[in-house]
């Protein structure tokens, strides 16, 4: 065999290998490929490895099955009370049928935008300005239901719709800002008043507690003074009782008793009393004087 046929065969084999390799396709996760054969829809490839027939099959559209978000620019809408506002919307959707999404409508995102604007105008046209500003969730639900029903034929499921911004006319915005400012000032005054009230309550409670503590201190002082006086009286009484007990235990002589009697009489005579009662027992009194004299002599000698 000559070299030329071998080269030709090798080229053909290499061409076939390259052709097969180029027609091996891998569909990634959360994606789908719409395949046409000879210009007509053939099948939809799911995630995995696929082989495309050369020169016959064509990947018509690569579709993402992930949840998608599209932010539409502001749209002018008029409320029932003839107030023109600018409202921009955000639509969250996902493709449920790649075939319908590919062949159902031309430029699906543009179709969704126009349908959203039309639906928004219809809904806002039945509401007044105040209801529009306070019924955002209701408006979102109504738009989502209408869009989901309309886009079902396009293989699209609308998950949710959000009104991103609602911009009323400039004069209404100024009035709303003034109203909000007045409301903030009113709340600030209320907070200040509540703070002042709380401060006065705390001061009153502090004065009350201080008065209670002072009264308790005075009470405690008086109790301690009374206890001290009582203890002093008890101590004196105990000392007198101990003295009497010791005196009885010592068995004093008559001379000692007479001397003590004379000392008591001397103290009574030295006091401020204007009258002194002299004991009737003069002999005992004289004996007491004699005893005192003897003791005085003994002290002088000493």
Protein backbone atom coordinates (compact mmCIF):
# COMPACT_ATOMS: atom_id res chain seq x y z
CA UNK A 1 0.00 0.00 0.00
CA UNK A 2 1.32 3.37 -1.01
CA UNK A 3 1.73 6.21 1.46
CA UNK A 4 -0.89 8.48 -0.14
CA UNK A 5 -3.95 6.34 0.72
CA UNK A 6 -2.68 5.97 4.27
CA UNK A 7 -2.38 9.73 4.62
CA UNK A 8 -5.86 10.21 3.18
CA UNK A 9 -7.34 7.64 5.55
CA UNK A 10 -5.52 9.20 8.47
CA UNK A 11 -6.88 12.62 7.53
CA UNK A 12 -10.40 11.25 7.25
CA UNK A 13 -10.13 9.47 10.62
CA UNK A 14 -8.74 12.59 12.23
CA UNK A 15 -11.54 14.66 10.73
CA UNK A 16 -14.14 12.22 12.05
CA UNK A 17 -12.57 12.30 15.51
CA UNK A 18 -12.49 16.09 15.54
CA UNK A 19 -16.08 16.20 14.29
CA UNK A 20 -17.25 13.81 17.00
CA UNK A 21 -15.36 15.67 19.69
CA UNK A 22 -16.77 19.01 18.57
CA UNK A 23 -20.29 17.61 18.71
CA UNK A 24 -19.98 16.25 22.25
CA UNK A 25 -21.81 18.69 24.47
CA UNK A 26 -22.11 18.93 28.23
CA UNK A 27 -25.15 20.69 29.69
CA UNK A 28 -24.24 22.26 33.06
CA UNK A 29 -26.37 22.18 36.19
CA UNK A 30 -29.55 24.32 36.16
CA UNK A 31 -29.39 24.77 32.37
CA UNK A 32 -31.15 23.30 29.36
CA UNK A 33 -30.35 23.27 25.63
CA UNK A 34 -33.11 23.48 23.01
CA UNK A 35 -32.13 21.34 19.99
CA UNK A 36 -33.43 21.84 16.47
CA UNK A 37 -33.06 19.24 13.72
CA UNK A 38 -33.19 20.54 10.19
CA UNK A 39 -34.76 23.78 11.43
CA UNK A 40 -37.53 22.21 13.53
CA UNK A 41 -37.69 21.62 17.26
CA UNK A 42 -36.26 18.20 18.06
CA UNK A 43 -35.64 17.85 21.81
CA UNK A 44 -34.49 19.55 25.00
CA UNK A 45 -31.24 18.45 26.58
CA UNK A 46 -31.14 18.28 30.36
CA UNK A 47 -28.02 18.38 32.53
CA UNK A 48 -25.39 15.84 31.42
CA UNK A 49 -23.38 14.59 28.41
CA UNK A 50 -24.96 14.67 24.94
CA UNK A 51 -23.88 13.99 21.35
CA UNK A 52 -25.14 16.26 18.62
CA UNK A 53 -25.65 14.92 15.13
CA UNK A 54 -23.26 16.84 12.89
CA UNK A 55 -24.73 19.05 10.17
CA UNK A 56 -28.24 18.05 11.23
CA UNK A 57 -28.79 19.16 14.81
CA UNK A 58 -28.33 22.70 16.10
CA UNK A 59 -28.45 24.17 19.56
CA UNK A 60 -31.22 26.69 19.12
CA UNK A 61 -31.12 28.26 22.63
CA UNK A 62 -29.22 27.83 25.88
CA UNK A 63 -31.67 28.39 28.70
CA UNK A 64 -30.87 29.07 32.35
CA UNK A 65 -33.29 27.45 34.78
CA UNK A 66 -32.15 29.55 37.75
CA UNK A 67 -34.34 32.19 39.35
CA UNK A 68 -33.77 35.45 37.53
CA UNK A 69 -34.30 39.06 38.53
CA UNK A 70 -35.07 41.90 36.18
CA UNK A 71 -35.34 45.54 37.27
CA UNK A 72 -37.59 47.61 35.04
CA UNK A 73 -37.16 51.40 34.83
CA UNK A 74 -39.76 53.74 36.39
CA UNK A 75 -43.12 53.88 34.67
CA UNK A 76 -45.50 56.86 34.85
CA UNK A 77 -48.86 55.90 36.33
CA UNK A 78 -51.92 57.97 37.25
CA UNK A 79 -54.02 57.30 40.34
CA UNK A 80 -57.78 57.60 40.51
CA UNK A 81 -57.46 61.09 42.03
CA UNK A 82 -55.30 62.22 39.05
CA UNK A 83 -51.89 62.12 40.72
CA UNK A 84 -49.04 61.12 38.41
CA UNK A 85 -46.36 59.00 40.01
CA UNK A 86 -43.21 57.20 38.88
CA UNK A 87 -43.07 53.54 39.93
CA UNK A 88 -40.32 51.08 39.09
CA UNK A 89 -40.78 47.36 39.59
CA UNK A 90 -38.60 44.33 40.18
CA UNK A 91 -39.78 40.96 38.84
CA UNK A 92 -38.45 37.60 40.03
CA UNK A 93 -39.12 34.71 37.64
CA UNK A 94 -37.85 31.35 36.48
CA UNK A 95 -38.15 29.38 33.23
CA UNK A 96 -40.18 26.20 33.65
CA UNK A 97 -40.42 25.12 29.98
CA UNK A 98 -37.40 25.86 27.75
CA UNK A 99 -39.35 24.99 24.58
CA UNK A 100 -42.16 27.46 25.31
CA UNK A 101 -39.64 30.07 26.40
CA UNK A 102 -37.81 29.65 23.09
CA UNK A 103 -40.78 29.59 20.78
CA UNK A 104 -43.59 31.14 22.82
CA UNK A 105 -42.82 34.84 22.47
CA UNK A 106 -40.21 37.03 20.82
CA UNK A 107 -37.98 38.80 23.34
CA UNK A 108 -39.61 37.46 26.55
CA UNK A 109 -38.07 40.08 28.88
CA UNK A 110 -39.42 42.93 26.81
CA UNK A 111 -42.83 41.25 26.77
CA UNK A 112 -42.74 40.90 30.58
CA UNK A 113 -41.76 44.58 30.96
CA UNK A 114 -44.63 45.79 28.79
CA UNK A 115 -47.10 43.49 30.51
CA UNK A 116 -45.89 44.69 33.92
CA UNK A 117 -46.30 48.36 32.96
CA UNK A 118 -49.80 47.76 31.61
CA UNK A 119 -50.88 45.79 34.66
CA UNK A 120 -49.42 48.39 36.99
CA UNK A 121 -51.32 51.21 35.31
CA UNK A 122 -54.58 49.29 35.51
CA UNK A 123 -54.19 48.52 39.21
CA UNK A 124 -52.97 51.98 40.25
CA UNK A 125 -55.73 53.61 38.19
CA UNK A 126 -58.30 52.09 40.57
CA UNK A 127 -56.54 53.39 43.70
CA UNK A 128 -56.12 56.82 45.24
CA UNK A 129 -52.75 58.21 46.29
CA UNK A 130 -53.05 57.27 49.96
CA UNK A 131 -54.09 53.72 49.13
CA UNK A 132 -51.24 53.41 46.66
CA UNK A 133 -48.69 54.40 49.28
CA UNK A 134 -50.12 52.11 51.97
CA UNK A 135 -51.14 49.07 49.88
CA UNK A 136 -47.82 48.07 48.39
CA UNK A 137 -48.10 44.40 49.37
CA UNK A 138 -51.58 44.15 47.89
CA UNK A 139 -50.40 45.71 44.63
CA UNK A 140 -47.43 43.31 44.50
CA UNK A 141 -49.70 40.27 44.88
CA UNK A 142 -52.15 41.46 42.22
CA UNK A 143 -49.39 42.12 39.68
CA UNK A 144 -47.75 38.75 40.39
CA UNK A 145 -51.00 36.83 39.85
CA UNK A 146 -51.74 38.58 36.56
CA UNK A 147 -48.18 38.21 35.25
CA UNK A 148 -47.98 34.55 36.26
CA UNK A 149 -51.16 33.72 34.38
CA UNK A 150 -50.05 35.61 31.26
CA UNK A 151 -46.49 34.25 31.17
CA UNK A 152 -47.49 30.64 31.76
CA UNK A 153 -47.91 30.25 27.98
CA UNK A 154 -44.30 31.44 27.55
CA UNK A 155 -42.85 28.80 29.87
CA UNK A 156 -42.20 31.38 32.59
CA UNK A 157 -43.32 31.34 36.21
CA UNK A 158 -43.39 34.70 38.00
CA UNK A 159 -42.31 34.10 41.60
CA UNK A 160 -42.88 37.56 43.03
CA UNK A 161 -43.10 41.23 42.11
CA UNK A 162 -41.83 44.14 44.17
CA UNK A 163 -42.58 47.84 43.80
CA UNK A 164 -39.10 49.21 44.30
CA UNK A 165 -39.87 52.94 44.46
CA UNK A 166 -43.04 54.98 44.44
CA UNK A 167 -42.26 58.60 43.64
CA UNK A 168 -45.19 61.05 43.83
CA UNK A 169 -44.92 64.60 42.40
CA UNK A 170 -42.44 67.04 43.93
CA UNK A 171 -45.05 69.12 45.75
CA UNK A 172 -46.56 66.02 47.32
CA UNK A 173 -43.11 64.83 48.35
CA UNK A 174 -42.46 68.20 50.02
CA UNK A 175 -45.77 67.98 51.87
CA UNK A 176 -45.00 64.43 52.95
CA UNK A 177 -41.54 65.45 54.13
CA UNK A 178 -43.05 68.32 56.17
CA UNK A 179 -45.57 65.94 57.67
CA UNK A 180 -42.87 63.42 58.52
CA UNK A 181 -40.74 66.18 60.04
CA UNK A 182 -43.66 67.36 62.17
CA UNK A 183 -44.30 63.79 63.26
CA UNK A 184 -40.65 63.34 64.22
CA UNK A 185 -40.72 66.58 66.22
CA UNK A 186 -43.92 65.49 67.97
CA UNK A 187 -42.36 62.17 68.90
CA UNK A 188 -39.23 63.96 70.10
CA UNK A 189 -41.33 66.22 72.35
CA UNK A 190 -43.17 63.21 73.71
CA UNK A 191 -39.86 61.48 74.44
CA UNK A 192 -38.52 64.62 76.14
CA UNK A 193 -41.68 64.90 78.25
CA UNK A 194 -41.47 61.25 79.21
CA UNK A 195 -37.81 61.69 80.09
CA UNK A 196 -38.57 64.74 82.24
CA UNK A 197 -41.39 62.88 83.95
CA UNK A 198 -39.12 59.94 84.61
CA UNK A 199 -36.44 62.25 85.97
CA UNK A 200 -38.90 63.89 88.38
CA UNK A 201 -40.12 60.49 89.51
CA UNK A 202 -36.54 59.39 90.17
CA UNK A 203 -35.81 62.59 92.13
CA UNK A 204 -38.98 62.13 94.21
CA UNK A 205 -38.11 58.50 94.86
CA UNK A 206 -34.61 59.57 95.87
CA UNK A 207 -35.95 62.17 98.31
CA UNK A 208 -38.38 59.64 99.71
CA UNK A 209 -35.65 57.05 100.23
CA UNK A 210 -33.40 59.70 101.79
CA UNK A 211 -36.16 60.71 104.24
CA UNK A 212 -36.79 57.09 105.11
CA UNK A 213 -33.09 56.51 105.70
CA UNK A 214 -32.86 59.63 107.92
CA UNK A 215 -35.91 58.53 109.93
CA UNK A 216 -34.42 55.07 110.31
CA UNK A 217 -31.14 56.61 111.44
CA UNK A 218 -32.88 58.79 114.07
CA UNK A 219 -34.91 55.81 115.19
CA UNK A 220 -31.80 53.66 115.45
CA UNK A 221 -30.00 56.42 117.41
CA UNK A 222 -32.85 56.77 119.88
CA UNK A 223 -33.04 53.01 120.29
CA UNK A 224 -29.31 52.83 120.96
CA UNK A 225 -29.49 55.74 123.45
CA UNK A 226 -32.38 54.07 125.25
CA UNK A 227 -30.48 50.80 125.28
CA UNK A 228 -27.40 52.62 126.62
CA UNK A 229 -29.39 54.27 129.41
CA UNK A 230 -31.03 50.97 130.27
CA UNK A 231 -27.67 49.23 130.32
CA UNK A 232 -26.24 52.04 132.51
CA UNK A 233 -29.12 51.70 134.99
CA UNK A 234 -28.71 47.95 135.02
CA UNK A 235 -24.96 48.36 135.59
CA UNK A 236 -25.53 50.74 138.56
CA UNK A 237 -28.17 48.48 140.02
CA UNK A 238 -25.91 45.49 139.57
CA UNK A 239 -23.02 47.36 141.20
CA UNK A 240 -25.19 48.27 144.18
CA UNK A 241 -26.43 44.71 144.45
CA UNK A 242 -22.86 43.41 144.24
CA UNK A 243 -21.79 45.90 146.94
CA UNK A 244 -24.57 44.79 149.25
CA UNK A 245 -23.79 41.16 148.55
CA UNK A 246 -20.10 41.70 149.28
CA UNK A 247 -20.94 43.69 152.39
CA UNK A 248 -23.14 40.89 153.67
CA UNK A 249 -20.53 38.30 152.86
CA UNK A 250 -17.85 40.36 154.70
CA UNK A 251 -19.92 40.40 157.99
CA UNK A 252 -18.94 44.01 158.95
CA UNK A 253 -18.45 44.95 162.62
CA UNK A 254 -20.57 47.44 164.47
CA UNK A 255 -17.87 50.08 164.21
CA UNK A 256 -17.79 49.79 160.45
CA UNK A 257 -21.55 50.01 160.25
CA UNK A 258 -21.54 53.06 162.51
CA UNK A 259 -18.83 54.66 160.38
CA UNK A 260 -20.81 54.09 157.19
CA UNK A 261 -23.87 55.57 158.87
CA UNK A 262 -21.87 58.64 159.88
CA UNK A 263 -20.58 59.07 156.31
CA UNK A 264 -24.11 58.91 155.00
CA UNK A 265 -25.25 61.44 157.57
CA UNK A 266 -22.34 63.73 156.66
CA UNK A 267 -23.27 63.61 153.00
CA UNK A 268 -26.86 64.41 153.86
CA UNK A 269 -25.77 67.32 156.06
CA UNK A 270 -23.44 68.66 153.40
CA UNK A 271 -26.24 68.77 150.81
CA UNK A 272 -28.67 71.50 150.01
CA UNK A 273 -31.33 70.23 152.41
CA UNK A 274 -32.55 72.85 154.93
CA UNK A 275 -33.68 70.30 157.48
CA UNK A 276 -31.74 67.40 158.97
CA UNK A 277 -33.37 64.73 161.09
CA UNK A 278 -31.03 63.62 163.89
CA UNK A 279 -31.29 59.98 164.89
CA UNK A 280 -33.12 59.39 168.18
CA UNK A 281 -30.54 56.96 169.41
CA UNK A 282 -28.06 59.58 170.72
CA UNK A 283 -25.95 56.95 172.44
CA UNK A 284 -25.49 55.17 169.16
CA UNK A 285 -24.76 58.45 167.49
CA UNK A 286 -22.19 59.35 170.18
CA UNK A 287 -20.62 55.99 169.79
CA UNK A 288 -20.36 56.64 166.12
CA UNK A 289 -18.66 59.99 166.77
CA UNK A 290 -16.21 58.33 169.13
CA UNK A 291 -15.44 55.72 166.52
CA UNK A 292 -14.80 58.41 163.99
CA UNK A 293 -12.52 60.21 166.42
CA UNK A 294 -10.48 57.10 167.01
CA UNK A 295 -10.09 56.52 163.32
CA UNK A 296 -9.07 60.16 162.81
CA UNK A 297 -6.39 59.80 165.40
CA UNK A 298 -5.05 56.69 163.87
CA UNK A 299 -4.91 58.44 160.48
CA UNK A 300 -3.08 61.45 162.02
CA UNK A 301 -0.43 59.25 163.61
CA UNK A 302 0.05 57.43 160.38
